[in-house]
Each structure stands twice: as C-alpha cells, then as structure tokens.
Amino acid sequence: MIADIHTHRLDAADAVISVNPWEFVPTEGKLYSVGIHPWQLGRADEGCFMQVEALVSCDNVVMVGECGIDKLRGGDISRQTEVAEWHAVLAERVGKPLVLHCVRASNELCRLRRLLQPSMPWILHGFRGNSRVARQLLDAGFFISYGERFNPDAVNITPADRLLVETDESRLPVGEIYARLAECRHQTLDEFSSAVASLMAQLLPSR
C-alpha cells in the first residue's frame, strides 16, 4: 500500500518519490513522480523537457510533477505558469495524476484548471494554508495533501475523498503525520488511515 503520496527521500518505502529528470535513477520496486520544480526552471533546457516526456511513460513513474507556481521563489510567473501548463497537458496525455507546488498562487492554479478542464487528478501537495484557501482549491476540484505542518481548520474541511498524506522533506515518519492528522480530525488512526488508503487505491489503481 502506498502510504506517502509525496516524498523526496530516495530510500522511502510505500511512497511516491518525487525526483527531477536529471537525478532520476530508478530502483526496482520503487514508485516515482517526475517533473521540473519551479525553483529549478533556470536549469531546464529543451533536453530536460524531453527527458520528462520520456520518463513519465515508465511503469514505475506513477505521477507527473512536482511542478507549479511559487511567487516567492522561482522567477518569472508567466514562465512558471507556462511550464505548469505543459506538465498538466502531459499528465492528461499519459493518464497520470499531476502533483503541484503552490506558494501564494492558488488563484493562478485555479484559473489554469478552469482553462484546461483536466480529467486527471490535480494534487496540491504540502498544503499549509487556511480554510478559506483550502475551500477555494476544493471547490475548483483539487485534491489536497497534508504533511508535518498544516492548518487544522483546513484539514477539517477537507473531505476524506480529497485528502492525502505526505512527508515531503520532513524527517518525521509518515505514520506520525497520519497520527497527527487523525487526531486533528477526531478520528481513530485506523479510521483515518483506511480513508486515505481507499483514496490512494483510486488514484493509483494498479499499485
């Protein structure tokens, strides 16, 4: 069972490991997402985009990204938006979920989603925002993934069929993050874990 939807720990088990195309060295039995992070657009040449296109067709690459928009770091917003759109179109083409990085750019990502009308799930990872922004994203059709740091009000308005769990770059075991989120939602750990597992099975049905 995949318990961790997004991590950068290359040795993680039961997780989808997020990597850049230039560092991707697949390990048998591991699952990956591959994309160009907005912080790294400066090193993304045409060959890098071609590499992403090739890699996302691999069986053990189960998601596209992370990509996205970051208004605090990452350079020109129009370029970030263009590259996020490129990833979104690619995700549709290969039929895999899209993992998104978002910093103060929920309006931009919601507009992009309305424009593209994707059929593949869009997962906003590492969400720390308040319930107002969470509601905006949920109403727009996003899934939301929570990690070590989260806003309890946002967690509590997120329906079970849209809520995912991740470690990202945290050193906490993913089980500890599950326990914190379950407590926040006034659920037993088993109840909460079962709901997340059910959603994971829908998003990654062959895994």
N, C-alpha and C. Protein backbone atom coordinates (compact mmCIF):
# COMPACT_ATOMS: atom_id res chain seq x y z
N MET A 1 0.83 -1.20 0.00
CA MET A 1 0.00 0.00 0.00
C MET A 1 0.87 1.25 0.00
N ILE A 2 0.52 2.23 -0.83
CA ILE A 2 1.25 3.50 -0.85
C ILE A 2 0.68 4.38 0.26
N ALA A 3 1.50 4.67 1.26
CA ALA A 3 1.05 5.47 2.40
C ALA A 3 1.42 6.94 2.26
N ASP A 4 2.45 7.23 1.48
CA ASP A 4 3.04 8.57 1.40
C ASP A 4 2.97 9.02 -0.07
N ILE A 5 2.11 9.99 -0.36
CA ILE A 5 1.87 10.38 -1.75
C ILE A 5 3.00 11.23 -2.32
N HIS A 6 3.87 11.79 -1.44
CA HIS A 6 4.89 12.70 -1.96
C HIS A 6 6.05 12.80 -0.98
N THR A 7 7.21 12.33 -1.41
CA THR A 7 8.41 12.45 -0.59
C THR A 7 9.62 12.68 -1.48
N HIS A 8 10.66 13.28 -0.89
CA HIS A 8 11.93 13.44 -1.58
C HIS A 8 12.98 12.49 -1.02
N ARG A 9 12.58 11.61 -0.14
CA ARG A 9 13.51 10.61 0.41
C ARG A 9 13.69 9.50 -0.61
N LEU A 10 14.86 9.38 -1.16
CA LEU A 10 15.09 8.41 -2.21
C LEU A 10 15.01 6.97 -1.72
N ASP A 11 15.16 6.77 -0.41
CA ASP A 11 15.11 5.41 0.14
C ASP A 11 13.76 5.09 0.76
N ALA A 12 12.76 5.95 0.57
CA ALA A 12 11.45 5.76 1.21
C ALA A 12 10.76 4.50 0.70
N ALA A 13 10.03 3.86 1.60
CA ALA A 13 9.22 2.70 1.24
C ALA A 13 7.75 3.10 1.28
N ASP A 14 6.92 2.39 0.52
CA ASP A 14 5.47 2.65 0.50
C ASP A 14 5.18 4.11 0.20
N ALA A 15 5.89 4.67 -0.78
CA ALA A 15 5.80 6.10 -1.07
C ALA A 15 5.96 6.34 -2.56
N VAL A 16 5.48 7.51 -2.99
CA VAL A 16 5.79 8.01 -4.32
C VAL A 16 6.91 9.03 -4.16
N ILE A 17 8.05 8.75 -4.75
CA ILE A 17 9.26 9.57 -4.57
C ILE A 17 9.33 10.59 -5.70
N SER A 18 9.39 11.85 -5.33
CA SER A 18 9.44 12.94 -6.30
C SER A 18 10.89 13.25 -6.67
N VAL A 19 11.18 13.19 -7.97
CA VAL A 19 12.55 13.42 -8.43
C VAL A 19 12.57 14.36 -9.64
N ASN A 20 13.72 14.98 -9.84
CA ASN A 20 13.96 15.78 -11.04
C ASN A 20 14.44 14.85 -12.15
N PRO A 21 14.20 15.23 -13.41
CA PRO A 21 14.62 14.33 -14.50
C PRO A 21 16.11 14.10 -14.57
N TRP A 22 16.91 15.07 -14.12
CA TRP A 22 18.36 14.91 -14.23
C TRP A 22 18.95 14.09 -13.10
N GLU A 23 18.14 13.73 -12.09
CA GLU A 23 18.66 12.91 -11.00
C GLU A 23 17.96 11.56 -10.93
N PHE A 24 17.14 11.25 -11.91
CA PHE A 24 16.32 10.05 -11.85
C PHE A 24 17.15 8.81 -12.14
N VAL A 25 17.29 8.00 -11.12
CA VAL A 25 17.93 6.68 -11.27
C VAL A 25 16.96 5.67 -10.67
N PRO A 26 16.15 5.02 -11.49
CA PRO A 26 15.10 4.16 -10.95
C PRO A 26 15.63 2.98 -10.17
N THR A 27 14.90 2.64 -9.11
CA THR A 27 15.20 1.46 -8.31
C THR A 27 14.02 0.52 -8.41
N GLU A 28 14.29 -0.72 -8.65
CA GLU A 28 13.21 -1.71 -8.78
C GLU A 28 12.37 -1.74 -7.50
N GLY A 29 11.08 -1.74 -7.67
CA GLY A 29 10.17 -1.79 -6.54
C GLY A 29 9.78 -0.44 -5.98
N LYS A 30 10.38 0.63 -6.47
CA LYS A 30 10.05 1.98 -6.04
C LYS A 30 9.11 2.65 -7.05
N LEU A 31 8.31 3.61 -6.55
CA LEU A 31 7.42 4.38 -7.42
C LEU A 31 7.84 5.84 -7.38
N TYR A 32 7.64 6.53 -8.51
CA TYR A 32 8.17 7.89 -8.65
C TYR A 32 7.15 8.84 -9.27
N SER A 33 7.38 10.12 -9.02
CA SER A 33 6.82 11.18 -9.85
C SER A 33 8.00 11.99 -10.38
N VAL A 34 7.87 12.44 -11.62
CA VAL A 34 8.98 13.16 -12.27
C VAL A 34 8.45 14.46 -12.86
N GLY A 35 9.17 15.54 -12.60
CA GLY A 35 8.79 16.83 -13.16
C GLY A 35 9.85 17.88 -12.87
N ILE A 36 9.58 19.08 -13.34
CA ILE A 36 10.51 20.19 -13.17
C ILE A 36 9.94 21.15 -12.15
N HIS A 37 10.58 21.22 -11.00
CA HIS A 37 10.15 22.08 -9.90
C HIS A 37 10.35 23.55 -10.30
N PRO A 38 9.43 24.44 -9.91
CA PRO A 38 9.59 25.85 -10.31
C PRO A 38 10.89 26.48 -9.83
N TRP A 39 11.47 26.01 -8.73
CA TRP A 39 12.73 26.57 -8.27
C TRP A 39 13.88 26.24 -9.22
N GLN A 40 13.68 25.23 -10.07
CA GLN A 40 14.78 24.74 -10.90
C GLN A 40 14.59 25.02 -12.38
N LEU A 41 13.71 25.95 -12.68
CA LEU A 41 13.46 26.25 -14.09
C LEU A 41 14.69 26.81 -14.78
N GLY A 42 15.58 27.45 -14.03
CA GLY A 42 16.77 28.03 -14.63
C GLY A 42 17.69 27.02 -15.29
N ARG A 43 17.60 25.77 -14.87
CA ARG A 43 18.46 24.75 -15.46
C ARG A 43 17.71 23.83 -16.42
N ALA A 44 16.45 24.17 -16.71
CA ALA A 44 15.62 23.30 -17.54
C ALA A 44 15.70 23.72 -19.00
N ASP A 45 16.52 23.02 -19.79
CA ASP A 45 16.62 23.29 -21.21
C ASP A 45 15.70 22.35 -21.98
N GLU A 46 15.73 22.41 -23.28
CA GLU A 46 14.83 21.60 -24.10
C GLU A 46 15.05 20.11 -23.84
N GLY A 47 16.29 19.72 -23.65
CA GLY A 47 16.57 18.32 -23.38
C GLY A 47 15.94 17.83 -22.10
N CYS A 48 15.85 18.72 -21.11
CA CYS A 48 15.23 18.36 -19.83
C CYS A 48 13.74 18.05 -20.01
N PHE A 49 13.07 18.87 -20.81
CA PHE A 49 11.65 18.62 -21.07
C PHE A 49 11.46 17.32 -21.84
N MET A 50 12.34 17.04 -22.76
CA MET A 50 12.27 15.78 -23.50
C MET A 50 12.48 14.60 -22.57
N GLN A 51 13.36 14.78 -21.59
CA GLN A 51 13.62 13.72 -20.61
C GLN A 51 12.38 13.44 -19.77
N VAL A 52 11.70 14.49 -19.33
CA VAL A 52 10.46 14.31 -18.56
C VAL A 52 9.45 13.53 -19.40
N GLU A 53 9.28 13.94 -20.64
CA GLU A 53 8.31 13.26 -21.53
C GLU A 53 8.61 11.78 -21.64
N ALA A 54 9.88 11.43 -21.74
CA ALA A 54 10.25 10.02 -21.86
C ALA A 54 10.01 9.27 -20.56
N LEU A 55 10.37 9.89 -19.44
CA LEU A 55 10.31 9.20 -18.16
C LEU A 55 8.89 8.95 -17.67
N VAL A 56 7.97 9.89 -17.92
CA VAL A 56 6.61 9.72 -17.37
C VAL A 56 5.86 8.56 -18.01
N SER A 57 6.40 8.02 -19.08
CA SER A 57 5.77 6.84 -19.68
C SER A 57 6.23 5.54 -19.04
N CYS A 58 7.23 5.62 -18.16
CA CYS A 58 7.72 4.41 -17.47
C CYS A 58 6.68 3.89 -16.49
N ASP A 59 6.62 2.58 -16.35
CA ASP A 59 5.62 1.97 -15.47
C ASP A 59 5.75 2.40 -14.02
N ASN A 60 6.99 2.58 -13.55
CA ASN A 60 7.16 2.92 -12.14
C ASN A 60 7.14 4.43 -11.88
N VAL A 61 6.89 5.23 -12.92
CA VAL A 61 6.58 6.66 -12.74
C VAL A 61 5.07 6.78 -12.78
N VAL A 62 4.47 7.01 -11.62
CA VAL A 62 3.01 6.93 -11.49
C VAL A 62 2.33 8.30 -11.43
N MET A 63 3.12 9.38 -11.34
CA MET A 63 2.57 10.72 -11.34
C MET A 63 3.50 11.67 -12.07
N VAL A 64 2.95 12.80 -12.49
CA VAL A 64 3.72 13.85 -13.17
C VAL A 64 3.93 15.00 -12.19
N GLY A 65 5.16 15.49 -12.08
CA GLY A 65 5.47 16.59 -11.17
C GLY A 65 6.47 16.16 -10.11
N GLU A 66 6.97 17.04 -9.24
CA GLU A 66 6.13 18.18 -8.97
C GLU A 66 6.53 19.37 -9.85
N CYS A 67 5.51 20.11 -10.21
CA CYS A 67 5.68 21.35 -10.94
C CYS A 67 4.83 22.39 -10.20
N GLY A 68 4.71 23.60 -10.76
CA GLY A 68 3.82 24.54 -10.11
C GLY A 68 4.23 25.98 -10.22
N ILE A 69 3.69 26.78 -9.30
CA ILE A 69 3.93 28.22 -9.30
C ILE A 69 4.28 28.67 -7.88
N ASP A 70 5.37 29.41 -7.77
CA ASP A 70 5.85 29.91 -6.48
C ASP A 70 6.16 31.39 -6.63
N LYS A 71 5.36 32.22 -5.96
CA LYS A 71 5.53 33.67 -6.10
C LYS A 71 6.67 34.23 -5.26
N LEU A 72 7.24 33.40 -4.39
CA LEU A 72 8.35 33.86 -3.58
C LEU A 72 9.71 33.43 -4.13
N ARG A 73 9.68 32.41 -4.96
CA ARG A 73 10.94 31.87 -5.46
C ARG A 73 10.66 31.09 -6.74
N GLY A 74 11.44 31.32 -7.76
CA GLY A 74 11.24 30.57 -8.98
C GLY A 74 11.24 31.41 -10.23
N GLY A 75 11.31 32.74 -10.07
CA GLY A 75 11.45 33.58 -11.24
C GLY A 75 10.13 34.00 -11.85
N ASP A 76 10.19 34.30 -13.14
CA ASP A 76 9.06 34.88 -13.87
C ASP A 76 7.80 34.03 -13.75
N ILE A 77 6.71 34.64 -13.30
CA ILE A 77 5.47 33.90 -13.05
C ILE A 77 4.86 33.39 -14.35
N SER A 78 4.96 34.17 -15.41
CA SER A 78 4.40 33.71 -16.67
C SER A 78 5.12 32.45 -17.17
N ARG A 79 6.43 32.39 -16.95
CA ARG A 79 7.19 31.20 -17.33
C ARG A 79 6.82 30.01 -16.45
N GLN A 80 6.69 30.25 -15.15
CA GLN A 80 6.27 29.18 -14.26
C GLN A 80 4.90 28.63 -14.66
N THR A 81 3.99 29.53 -15.00
CA THR A 81 2.64 29.12 -15.39
C THR A 81 2.68 28.32 -16.69
N GLU A 82 3.48 28.76 -17.62
CA GLU A 82 3.63 28.06 -18.90
C GLU A 82 4.14 26.64 -18.68
N VAL A 83 5.11 26.49 -17.80
CA VAL A 83 5.69 25.17 -17.56
C VAL A 83 4.70 24.29 -16.78
N ALA A 84 3.97 24.87 -15.85
CA ALA A 84 2.94 24.11 -15.13
C ALA A 84 1.89 23.60 -16.12
N GLU A 85 1.49 24.45 -17.05
CA GLU A 85 0.52 24.03 -18.06
C GLU A 85 1.08 22.90 -18.92
N TRP A 86 2.35 23.00 -19.27
CA TRP A 86 2.99 21.94 -20.06
C TRP A 86 2.90 20.60 -19.33
N HIS A 87 3.21 20.61 -18.04
CA HIS A 87 3.10 19.38 -17.24
C HIS A 87 1.66 18.86 -17.20
N ALA A 88 0.71 19.78 -17.04
CA ALA A 88 -0.70 19.38 -16.95
C ALA A 88 -1.17 18.70 -18.24
N VAL A 89 -0.77 19.25 -19.36
CA VAL A 89 -1.12 18.65 -20.65
C VAL A 89 -0.46 17.27 -20.79
N LEU A 90 0.78 17.18 -20.33
CA LEU A 90 1.49 15.89 -20.37
C LEU A 90 0.79 14.86 -19.48
N ALA A 91 0.35 15.27 -18.31
CA ALA A 91 -0.35 14.36 -17.39
C ALA A 91 -1.62 13.80 -18.04
N GLU A 92 -2.33 14.65 -18.77
CA GLU A 92 -3.52 14.19 -19.49
C GLU A 92 -3.14 13.16 -20.56
N ARG A 93 -2.06 13.44 -21.24
CA ARG A 93 -1.66 12.57 -22.34
C ARG A 93 -1.27 11.18 -21.85
N VAL A 94 -0.58 11.12 -20.72
CA VAL A 94 -0.14 9.80 -20.22
C VAL A 94 -1.12 9.20 -19.22
N GLY A 95 -2.15 9.97 -18.85
CA GLY A 95 -3.18 9.44 -17.96
C GLY A 95 -2.72 9.22 -16.53
N LYS A 96 -1.95 10.19 -16.00
CA LYS A 96 -1.43 10.06 -14.63
C LYS A 96 -1.70 11.34 -13.85
N PRO A 97 -1.87 11.24 -12.52
CA PRO A 97 -2.13 12.43 -11.70
C PRO A 97 -0.99 13.44 -11.77
N LEU A 98 -1.34 14.70 -11.49
CA LEU A 98 -0.40 15.81 -11.51
C LEU A 98 -0.17 16.29 -10.08
N VAL A 99 1.11 16.45 -9.69
CA VAL A 99 1.47 16.93 -8.35
C VAL A 99 1.95 18.37 -8.46
N LEU A 100 1.35 19.25 -7.66
CA LEU A 100 1.60 20.69 -7.80
C LEU A 100 2.17 21.31 -6.55
N HIS A 101 3.15 22.17 -6.77
CA HIS A 101 3.75 23.04 -5.75
C HIS A 101 3.08 24.41 -5.91
N CYS A 102 2.63 24.97 -4.79
CA CYS A 102 1.93 26.25 -4.86
C CYS A 102 2.33 27.12 -3.68
N VAL A 103 2.86 28.30 -3.97
CA VAL A 103 3.14 29.29 -2.92
C VAL A 103 2.51 30.61 -3.35
N ARG A 104 1.46 30.99 -2.64
CA ARG A 104 0.72 32.23 -2.90
C ARG A 104 0.22 32.31 -4.33
N ALA A 105 -0.12 31.17 -4.90
CA ALA A 105 -0.53 31.15 -6.31
C ALA A 105 -1.80 30.33 -6.52
N SER A 106 -2.64 30.24 -5.51
CA SER A 106 -3.86 29.44 -5.65
C SER A 106 -4.78 30.01 -6.73
N ASN A 107 -4.85 31.34 -6.84
CA ASN A 107 -5.69 31.94 -7.87
C ASN A 107 -5.22 31.54 -9.27
N GLU A 108 -3.90 31.58 -9.47
CA GLU A 108 -3.35 31.24 -10.77
C GLU A 108 -3.59 29.76 -11.12
N LEU A 109 -3.41 28.89 -10.14
CA LEU A 109 -3.62 27.47 -10.42
C LEU A 109 -5.10 27.16 -10.65
N CYS A 110 -5.98 27.83 -9.93
CA CYS A 110 -7.41 27.64 -10.16
C CYS A 110 -7.81 28.10 -11.56
N ARG A 111 -7.24 29.23 -11.99
CA ARG A 111 -7.53 29.71 -13.34
C ARG A 111 -7.03 28.71 -14.39
N LEU A 112 -5.84 28.17 -14.16
CA LEU A 112 -5.29 27.20 -15.10
C LEU A 112 -6.16 25.95 -15.16
N ARG A 113 -6.65 25.52 -14.03
CA ARG A 113 -7.52 24.33 -14.01
C ARG A 113 -8.83 24.60 -14.76
N ARG A 114 -9.40 25.79 -14.56
CA ARG A 114 -10.63 26.12 -15.28
C ARG A 114 -10.37 26.16 -16.79
N LEU A 115 -9.21 26.65 -17.17
CA LEU A 115 -8.86 26.74 -18.58
C LEU A 115 -8.71 25.36 -19.21
N LEU A 116 -8.01 24.46 -18.54
CA LEU A 116 -7.67 23.17 -19.12
C LEU A 116 -8.73 22.09 -18.91
N GLN A 117 -9.56 22.23 -17.86
CA GLN A 117 -10.61 21.25 -17.57
C GLN A 117 -10.05 19.82 -17.59
N PRO A 118 -9.06 19.53 -16.74
CA PRO A 118 -8.39 18.22 -16.81
C PRO A 118 -9.28 17.08 -16.32
N SER A 119 -9.02 15.90 -16.84
CA SER A 119 -9.70 14.70 -16.33
C SER A 119 -8.85 13.99 -15.28
N MET A 120 -7.54 14.22 -15.31
CA MET A 120 -6.64 13.61 -14.33
C MET A 120 -6.68 14.39 -13.02
N PRO A 121 -6.48 13.71 -11.88
CA PRO A 121 -6.45 14.42 -10.59
C PRO A 121 -5.29 15.41 -10.52
N TRP A 122 -5.55 16.56 -9.94
CA TRP A 122 -4.51 17.54 -9.61
C TRP A 122 -4.36 17.56 -8.10
N ILE A 123 -3.16 17.28 -7.61
CA ILE A 123 -2.90 17.18 -6.18
C ILE A 123 -2.04 18.35 -5.74
N LEU A 124 -2.58 19.17 -4.84
CA LEU A 124 -1.83 20.30 -4.30
C LEU A 124 -1.07 19.76 -3.09
N HIS A 125 0.23 19.66 -3.19
CA HIS A 125 0.99 18.98 -2.14
C HIS A 125 1.47 19.96 -1.06
N GLY A 126 1.68 19.42 0.14
CA GLY A 126 2.26 20.18 1.25
C GLY A 126 1.46 21.41 1.63
N PHE A 127 0.14 21.31 1.61
CA PHE A 127 -0.69 22.49 1.84
C PHE A 127 -0.63 22.91 3.31
N ARG A 128 -0.36 24.22 3.52
CA ARG A 128 -0.28 24.77 4.88
C ARG A 128 -1.23 25.95 5.06
N GLY A 129 -2.00 26.25 4.02
CA GLY A 129 -2.85 27.44 4.04
C GLY A 129 -4.06 27.31 4.94
N ASN A 130 -4.83 28.38 4.99
CA ASN A 130 -6.01 28.41 5.86
C ASN A 130 -7.22 27.77 5.18
N SER A 131 -8.33 27.74 5.91
CA SER A 131 -9.51 27.05 5.40
C SER A 131 -10.13 27.79 4.21
N ARG A 132 -9.96 29.10 4.14
CA ARG A 132 -10.52 29.86 3.01
C ARG A 132 -9.85 29.43 1.71
N VAL A 133 -8.51 29.34 1.73
CA VAL A 133 -7.80 28.92 0.53
C VAL A 133 -8.07 27.44 0.23
N ALA A 134 -8.16 26.62 1.28
CA ALA A 134 -8.49 25.21 1.08
C ALA A 134 -9.84 25.07 0.40
N ARG A 135 -10.82 25.85 0.83
CA ARG A 135 -12.15 25.78 0.22
C ARG A 135 -12.09 26.20 -1.24
N GLN A 136 -11.32 27.24 -1.55
CA GLN A 136 -11.15 27.67 -2.93
C GLN A 136 -10.62 26.53 -3.80
N LEU A 137 -9.60 25.83 -3.30
CA LEU A 137 -9.00 24.74 -4.05
C LEU A 137 -9.94 23.54 -4.18
N LEU A 138 -10.62 23.23 -3.10
CA LEU A 138 -11.56 22.11 -3.14
C LEU A 138 -12.70 22.39 -4.11
N ASP A 139 -13.22 23.60 -4.08
CA ASP A 139 -14.30 23.96 -4.99
C ASP A 139 -13.85 23.90 -6.45
N ALA A 140 -12.57 24.15 -6.67
CA ALA A 140 -12.02 24.09 -8.03
C ALA A 140 -11.71 22.66 -8.47
N GLY A 141 -11.80 21.69 -7.55
CA GLY A 141 -11.61 20.29 -7.91
C GLY A 141 -10.29 19.67 -7.53
N PHE A 142 -9.46 20.40 -6.76
CA PHE A 142 -8.16 19.87 -6.37
C PHE A 142 -8.29 18.82 -5.26
N PHE A 143 -7.32 17.91 -5.23
CA PHE A 143 -7.04 17.09 -4.06
C PHE A 143 -5.99 17.84 -3.24
N ILE A 144 -6.00 17.65 -1.92
CA ILE A 144 -5.05 18.35 -1.07
C ILE A 144 -4.26 17.33 -0.24
N SER A 145 -2.95 17.48 -0.26
CA SER A 145 -2.07 16.61 0.52
C SER A 145 -1.46 17.40 1.67
N TYR A 146 -1.52 16.81 2.87
CA TYR A 146 -1.02 17.46 4.07
C TYR A 146 0.20 16.72 4.61
N GLY A 147 1.12 17.50 5.17
CA GLY A 147 2.33 16.94 5.74
C GLY A 147 2.51 17.32 7.19
N GLU A 148 3.77 17.47 7.60
CA GLU A 148 4.09 17.72 9.01
C GLU A 148 3.43 19.00 9.53
N ARG A 149 3.44 20.05 8.74
CA ARG A 149 2.85 21.33 9.16
C ARG A 149 1.55 21.56 8.40
N PHE A 150 0.49 21.85 9.13
CA PHE A 150 -0.81 22.03 8.49
C PHE A 150 -1.70 22.94 9.35
N ASN A 151 -2.70 23.51 8.71
CA ASN A 151 -3.70 24.32 9.39
C ASN A 151 -4.86 23.41 9.77
N PRO A 152 -5.16 23.25 11.06
CA PRO A 152 -6.21 22.33 11.46
C PRO A 152 -7.57 22.62 10.84
N ASP A 153 -7.91 23.90 10.69
CA ASP A 153 -9.20 24.23 10.09
C ASP A 153 -9.27 23.76 8.65
N ALA A 154 -8.17 23.90 7.92
CA ALA A 154 -8.13 23.43 6.54
C ALA A 154 -8.27 21.91 6.48
N VAL A 155 -7.57 21.22 7.36
CA VAL A 155 -7.66 19.75 7.41
C VAL A 155 -9.10 19.32 7.66
N ASN A 156 -9.77 19.99 8.55
CA ASN A 156 -11.11 19.56 8.95
C ASN A 156 -12.19 19.86 7.93
N ILE A 157 -11.94 20.78 6.99
CA ILE A 157 -12.95 20.99 5.95
C ILE A 157 -12.66 20.17 4.69
N THR A 158 -11.54 19.45 4.68
CA THR A 158 -11.19 18.65 3.51
C THR A 158 -11.89 17.30 3.57
N PRO A 159 -12.73 16.98 2.59
CA PRO A 159 -13.42 15.69 2.63
C PRO A 159 -12.45 14.52 2.52
N ALA A 160 -12.84 13.39 3.06
CA ALA A 160 -11.97 12.22 3.06
C ALA A 160 -11.60 11.78 1.65
N ASP A 161 -12.48 12.03 0.69
CA ASP A 161 -12.19 11.60 -0.68
C ASP A 161 -11.32 12.59 -1.45
N ARG A 162 -10.78 13.60 -0.73
CA ARG A 162 -9.85 14.55 -1.36
C ARG A 162 -8.58 14.74 -0.54
N LEU A 163 -8.41 14.00 0.55
CA LEU A 163 -7.32 14.25 1.50
C LEU A 163 -6.25 13.18 1.40
N LEU A 164 -5.01 13.64 1.21
CA LEU A 164 -3.87 12.74 1.10
C LEU A 164 -2.80 13.14 2.12
N VAL A 165 -1.81 12.27 2.28
CA VAL A 165 -0.79 12.46 3.32
C VAL A 165 0.59 12.29 2.70
N GLU A 166 1.54 13.11 3.19
CA GLU A 166 2.89 13.08 2.64
C GLU A 166 3.92 13.42 3.71
N THR A 167 5.17 13.07 3.41
CA THR A 167 6.27 13.53 4.25
C THR A 167 7.01 14.69 3.62
N ASP A 168 7.03 14.77 2.27
CA ASP A 168 7.78 15.79 1.56
C ASP A 168 9.25 15.73 2.00
N GLU A 169 9.75 16.77 2.67
CA GLU A 169 11.14 16.75 3.15
C GLU A 169 11.22 16.58 4.67
N SER A 170 10.11 16.25 5.30
CA SER A 170 10.10 16.09 6.75
C SER A 170 10.91 14.87 7.18
N ARG A 171 11.48 14.96 8.36
CA ARG A 171 12.18 13.81 8.93
C ARG A 171 11.26 12.93 9.77
N LEU A 172 10.03 13.39 9.97
CA LEU A 172 9.08 12.58 10.72
C LEU A 172 8.69 11.33 9.93
N PRO A 173 8.50 10.21 10.59
CA PRO A 173 7.93 9.04 9.90
C PRO A 173 6.53 9.38 9.41
N VAL A 174 6.15 8.82 8.28
CA VAL A 174 4.82 9.12 7.76
C VAL A 174 3.72 8.70 8.73
N GLY A 175 3.98 7.64 9.52
CA GLY A 175 2.99 7.20 10.50
C GLY A 175 2.69 8.25 11.55
N GLU A 176 3.69 9.04 11.92
CA GLU A 176 3.49 10.11 12.88
C GLU A 176 2.62 11.21 12.28
N ILE A 177 2.80 11.48 11.02
CA ILE A 177 1.97 12.50 10.36
C ILE A 177 0.52 12.01 10.27
N TYR A 178 0.33 10.74 9.95
CA TYR A 178 -1.01 10.16 9.97
C TYR A 178 -1.65 10.35 11.34
N ALA A 179 -0.89 10.05 12.39
CA ALA A 179 -1.44 10.14 13.75
C ALA A 179 -1.85 11.57 14.09
N ARG A 180 -1.05 12.54 13.70
CA ARG A 180 -1.37 13.94 13.99
C ARG A 180 -2.63 14.39 13.23
N LEU A 181 -2.73 13.97 11.98
CA LEU A 181 -3.90 14.35 11.19
C LEU A 181 -5.16 13.66 11.69
N ALA A 182 -5.03 12.39 12.08
CA ALA A 182 -6.19 11.67 12.63
C ALA A 182 -6.69 12.35 13.90
N GLU A 183 -5.76 12.73 14.76
CA GLU A 183 -6.15 13.42 15.99
C GLU A 183 -6.84 14.74 15.68
N CYS A 184 -6.32 15.46 14.71
CA CYS A 184 -6.92 16.73 14.32
C CYS A 184 -8.36 16.54 13.85
N ARG A 185 -8.63 15.45 13.16
CA ARG A 185 -9.96 15.18 12.61
C ARG A 185 -10.85 14.39 13.56
N HIS A 186 -10.34 14.15 14.78
CA HIS A 186 -11.10 13.42 15.80
C HIS A 186 -11.52 12.03 15.30
N GLN A 187 -10.56 11.38 14.65
CA GLN A 187 -10.77 10.03 14.17
C GLN A 187 -9.73 9.11 14.79
N THR A 188 -10.05 7.81 14.82
CA THR A 188 -9.01 6.86 15.20
C THR A 188 -8.01 6.78 14.05
N LEU A 189 -6.81 6.32 14.38
CA LEU A 189 -5.79 6.18 13.36
C LEU A 189 -6.24 5.19 12.29
N ASP A 190 -6.91 4.12 12.70
CA ASP A 190 -7.38 3.13 11.73
C ASP A 190 -8.42 3.73 10.80
N GLU A 191 -9.35 4.50 11.34
CA GLU A 191 -10.38 5.13 10.51
C GLU A 191 -9.75 6.06 9.49
N PHE A 192 -8.85 6.88 9.96
CA PHE A 192 -8.22 7.86 9.08
C PHE A 192 -7.36 7.17 8.01
N SER A 193 -6.56 6.21 8.44
CA SER A 193 -5.67 5.51 7.51
C SER A 193 -6.46 4.76 6.44
N SER A 194 -7.59 4.16 6.83
CA SER A 194 -8.41 3.43 5.87
C SER A 194 -8.97 4.34 4.80
N ALA A 195 -9.38 5.55 5.22
CA ALA A 195 -9.93 6.51 4.26
C ALA A 195 -8.86 6.94 3.27
N VAL A 196 -7.65 7.21 3.76
CA VAL A 196 -6.56 7.62 2.86
C VAL A 196 -6.18 6.46 1.93
N ALA A 197 -6.14 5.26 2.46
CA ALA A 197 -5.78 4.09 1.64
C ALA A 197 -6.80 3.89 0.53
N SER A 198 -8.07 4.10 0.83
CA SER A 198 -9.11 3.96 -0.18
C SER A 198 -8.93 4.97 -1.31
N LEU A 199 -8.59 6.20 -0.95
CA LEU A 199 -8.36 7.22 -1.96
C LEU A 199 -7.11 6.92 -2.78
N MET A 200 -6.05 6.47 -2.11
CA MET A 200 -4.83 6.10 -2.82
C MET A 200 -5.11 5.02 -3.87
N ALA A 201 -5.95 4.05 -3.50
CA ALA A 201 -6.28 2.96 -4.41
C ALA A 201 -7.02 3.47 -5.64
N GLN A 202 -7.80 4.54 -5.48
CA GLN A 202 -8.49 5.14 -6.62
C GLN A 202 -7.53 5.90 -7.52
N LEU A 203 -6.59 6.62 -6.91
CA LEU A 203 -5.66 7.44 -7.68
C LEU A 203 -4.60 6.59 -8.38
N LEU A 204 -4.18 5.52 -7.71
CA LEU A 204 -3.13 4.65 -8.27
C LEU A 204 -3.67 3.21 -8.29
N PRO A 205 -4.67 2.94 -9.12
CA PRO A 205 -5.40 1.67 -9.04
C PRO A 205 -4.57 0.43 -9.28
N SER A 206 -3.50 0.55 -10.05
CA SER A 206 -2.69 -0.63 -10.35
C SER A 206 -1.59 -0.87 -9.33
N ARG A 207 -1.57 -0.03 -8.26
CA ARG A 207 -0.48 -0.14 -7.29
C ARG A 207 -0.98 -0.67 -5.97
